[in-house]
Amino acid sequence: MTLRLDEGETAALRQRAEREGRSMQEVARQAVRDYIERSSRRELLDQVLDAELPRYAEALERLGQ
């Protein structure tokens, strides 16, 4: 896989890597792992809400009044 970044993204990644004392590749790979983890949690939460929210819809509606 090849990741192409524009100049600004490359500069920002380089700065971050230098500040952390890590390689640009390490920082980018961590960012990808963090993104996947956040997205996975969000999808799981959406699935649970879609399944459970209808059960409480009436009570939630009454609470909102």
N, C-alpha and C. Protein backbone atom coordinates (compact mmCIF):
# COMPACT_ATOMS: atom_id res chain seq x y z
N MET A 1 0.84 -1.18 0.00
CA MET A 1 0.00 0.00 0.00
C MET A 1 0.88 1.23 0.00
N THR A 2 0.48 2.21 -0.76
CA THR A 2 1.17 3.49 -0.78
C THR A 2 0.20 4.56 -0.32
N LEU A 3 0.64 5.38 0.61
CA LEU A 3 -0.18 6.47 1.12
C LEU A 3 0.40 7.77 0.59
N ARG A 4 -0.42 8.49 -0.14
CA ARG A 4 0.03 9.77 -0.70
C ARG A 4 -0.59 10.91 0.09
N LEU A 5 0.25 11.75 0.63
CA LEU A 5 -0.20 12.90 1.40
C LEU A 5 0.18 14.17 0.66
N ASP A 6 -0.60 15.23 0.87
CA ASP A 6 -0.19 16.50 0.27
C ASP A 6 0.92 17.11 1.14
N GLU A 7 1.46 18.21 0.69
CA GLU A 7 2.61 18.81 1.38
C GLU A 7 2.29 19.18 2.83
N GLY A 8 1.11 19.75 3.03
CA GLY A 8 0.72 20.15 4.38
C GLY A 8 0.58 18.96 5.32
N GLU A 9 -0.04 17.90 4.81
CA GLU A 9 -0.20 16.70 5.62
C GLU A 9 1.14 16.07 5.95
N THR A 10 2.02 16.05 4.97
CA THR A 10 3.36 15.49 5.18
C THR A 10 4.12 16.29 6.22
N ALA A 11 4.04 17.61 6.13
CA ALA A 11 4.74 18.47 7.09
C ALA A 11 4.19 18.26 8.50
N ALA A 12 2.86 18.19 8.62
CA ALA A 12 2.24 18.00 9.93
C ALA A 12 2.63 16.64 10.51
N LEU A 13 2.64 15.62 9.68
CA LEU A 13 3.02 14.29 10.13
C LEU A 13 4.48 14.27 10.55
N ARG A 14 5.33 14.92 9.79
CA ARG A 14 6.75 14.98 10.12
C ARG A 14 6.96 15.68 11.46
N GLN A 15 6.27 16.81 11.67
CA GLN A 15 6.39 17.54 12.93
C GLN A 15 5.95 16.68 14.11
N ARG A 16 4.80 16.03 13.94
CA ARG A 16 4.28 15.19 15.02
C ARG A 16 5.26 14.07 15.34
N ALA A 17 5.80 13.43 14.33
CA ALA A 17 6.74 12.33 14.52
C ALA A 17 7.99 12.82 15.24
N GLU A 18 8.49 13.98 14.84
CA GLU A 18 9.68 14.54 15.48
C GLU A 18 9.41 14.85 16.95
N ARG A 19 8.25 15.45 17.23
CA ARG A 19 7.89 15.77 18.62
C ARG A 19 7.81 14.52 19.49
N GLU A 20 7.32 13.44 18.90
CA GLU A 20 7.13 12.21 19.66
C GLU A 20 8.35 11.30 19.62
N GLY A 21 9.33 11.67 18.82
CA GLY A 21 10.53 10.83 18.72
C GLY A 21 10.24 9.50 18.05
N ARG A 22 9.29 9.50 17.12
CA ARG A 22 8.93 8.28 16.40
C ARG A 22 9.03 8.54 14.92
N SER A 23 8.95 7.48 14.15
CA SER A 23 8.99 7.64 12.69
C SER A 23 7.61 8.09 12.20
N MET A 24 7.61 8.68 11.02
CA MET A 24 6.35 9.09 10.41
C MET A 24 5.46 7.87 10.21
N GLN A 25 6.05 6.75 9.84
CA GLN A 25 5.28 5.53 9.62
C GLN A 25 4.61 5.08 10.91
N GLU A 26 5.33 5.12 12.01
CA GLU A 26 4.74 4.71 13.29
C GLU A 26 3.55 5.59 13.66
N VAL A 27 3.72 6.90 13.48
CA VAL A 27 2.64 7.83 13.81
C VAL A 27 1.43 7.58 12.91
N ALA A 28 1.65 7.40 11.63
CA ALA A 28 0.56 7.16 10.69
C ALA A 28 -0.15 5.85 10.99
N ARG A 29 0.61 4.81 11.29
CA ARG A 29 -0.01 3.51 11.60
C ARG A 29 -0.85 3.60 12.87
N GLN A 30 -0.36 4.33 13.88
CA GLN A 30 -1.13 4.51 15.11
C GLN A 30 -2.41 5.27 14.83
N ALA A 31 -2.33 6.28 13.98
CA ALA A 31 -3.52 7.06 13.62
C ALA A 31 -4.56 6.18 12.94
N VAL A 32 -4.12 5.28 12.08
CA VAL A 32 -5.05 4.37 11.41
C VAL A 32 -5.68 3.43 12.43
N ARG A 33 -4.87 2.88 13.35
CA ARG A 33 -5.43 1.99 14.38
C ARG A 33 -6.44 2.72 15.24
N ASP A 34 -6.12 3.96 15.64
CA ASP A 34 -7.06 4.75 16.46
C ASP A 34 -8.36 5.01 15.72
N TYR A 35 -8.26 5.35 14.44
CA TYR A 35 -9.46 5.60 13.64
C TYR A 35 -10.33 4.35 13.55
N ILE A 36 -9.72 3.22 13.29
CA ILE A 36 -10.48 1.97 13.17
C ILE A 36 -11.16 1.64 14.49
N GLU A 37 -10.46 1.82 15.60
CA GLU A 37 -11.04 1.53 16.91
C GLU A 37 -12.22 2.45 17.20
N ARG A 38 -12.07 3.75 16.94
CA ARG A 38 -13.17 4.69 17.17
C ARG A 38 -14.37 4.37 16.29
N SER A 39 -14.11 4.08 15.03
CA SER A 39 -15.19 3.77 14.09
C SER A 39 -15.91 2.50 14.49
N SER A 40 -15.16 1.50 14.93
CA SER A 40 -15.76 0.24 15.33
C SER A 40 -16.66 0.43 16.54
N ARG A 41 -16.21 1.23 17.51
CA ARG A 41 -17.03 1.50 18.69
C ARG A 41 -18.29 2.25 18.31
N ARG A 42 -18.15 3.22 17.41
CA ARG A 42 -19.31 4.02 16.97
C ARG A 42 -20.32 3.12 16.26
N GLU A 43 -19.85 2.22 15.41
CA GLU A 43 -20.75 1.31 14.70
C GLU A 43 -21.47 0.39 15.68
N LEU A 44 -20.75 -0.11 16.67
CA LEU A 44 -21.36 -0.98 17.67
C LEU A 44 -22.43 -0.23 18.46
N LEU A 45 -22.12 0.99 18.86
CA LEU A 45 -23.10 1.80 19.59
C LEU A 45 -24.34 2.05 18.73
N ASP A 46 -24.13 2.37 17.45
CA ASP A 46 -25.27 2.57 16.55
C ASP A 46 -26.13 1.32 16.44
N GLN A 47 -25.50 0.16 16.37
CA GLN A 47 -26.25 -1.10 16.27
C GLN A 47 -27.08 -1.33 17.52
N VAL A 48 -26.47 -1.09 18.68
CA VAL A 48 -27.18 -1.29 19.94
C VAL A 48 -28.35 -0.31 20.05
N LEU A 49 -28.10 0.95 19.70
CA LEU A 49 -29.19 1.94 19.77
C LEU A 49 -30.31 1.59 18.80
N ASP A 50 -29.97 1.16 17.59
CA ASP A 50 -31.01 0.79 16.63
C ASP A 50 -31.84 -0.37 17.14
N ALA A 51 -31.22 -1.29 17.85
CA ALA A 51 -31.93 -2.46 18.35
C ALA A 51 -32.74 -2.15 19.60
N GLU A 52 -32.22 -1.31 20.49
CA GLU A 52 -32.84 -1.10 21.80
C GLU A 52 -33.71 0.15 21.90
N LEU A 53 -33.41 1.17 21.13
CA LEU A 53 -34.14 2.43 21.25
C LEU A 53 -35.64 2.30 21.00
N PRO A 54 -36.07 1.53 20.01
CA PRO A 54 -37.52 1.40 19.78
C PRO A 54 -38.27 0.90 21.02
N ARG A 55 -37.62 0.08 21.80
CA ARG A 55 -38.26 -0.47 22.99
C ARG A 55 -38.59 0.64 24.00
N TYR A 56 -37.77 1.68 24.03
CA TYR A 56 -37.94 2.76 25.00
C TYR A 56 -38.48 4.04 24.36
N ALA A 57 -38.91 3.98 23.12
CA ALA A 57 -39.33 5.16 22.39
C ALA A 57 -40.48 5.90 23.09
N GLU A 58 -41.46 5.16 23.55
CA GLU A 58 -42.62 5.80 24.21
C GLU A 58 -42.19 6.51 25.48
N ALA A 59 -41.37 5.87 26.29
CA ALA A 59 -40.91 6.48 27.54
C ALA A 59 -40.05 7.71 27.25
N LEU A 60 -39.20 7.62 26.26
CA LEU A 60 -38.36 8.76 25.91
C LEU A 60 -39.20 9.93 25.38
N GLU A 61 -40.24 9.60 24.65
CA GLU A 61 -41.13 10.65 24.14
C GLU A 61 -41.83 11.37 25.29
N ARG A 62 -42.30 10.59 26.26
CA ARG A 62 -42.96 11.19 27.41
C ARG A 62 -41.99 12.04 28.23
N LEU A 63 -40.77 11.60 28.37
CA LEU A 63 -39.77 12.37 29.11
C LEU A 63 -39.46 13.69 28.40
N GLY A 64 -39.55 13.70 27.08
CA GLY A 64 -39.26 14.89 26.31
C GLY A 64 -40.36 15.95 26.36
N GLN A 65 -41.52 15.58 26.88
CA GLN A 65 -42.65 16.54 26.91
C GLN A 65 -42.61 17.41 28.14
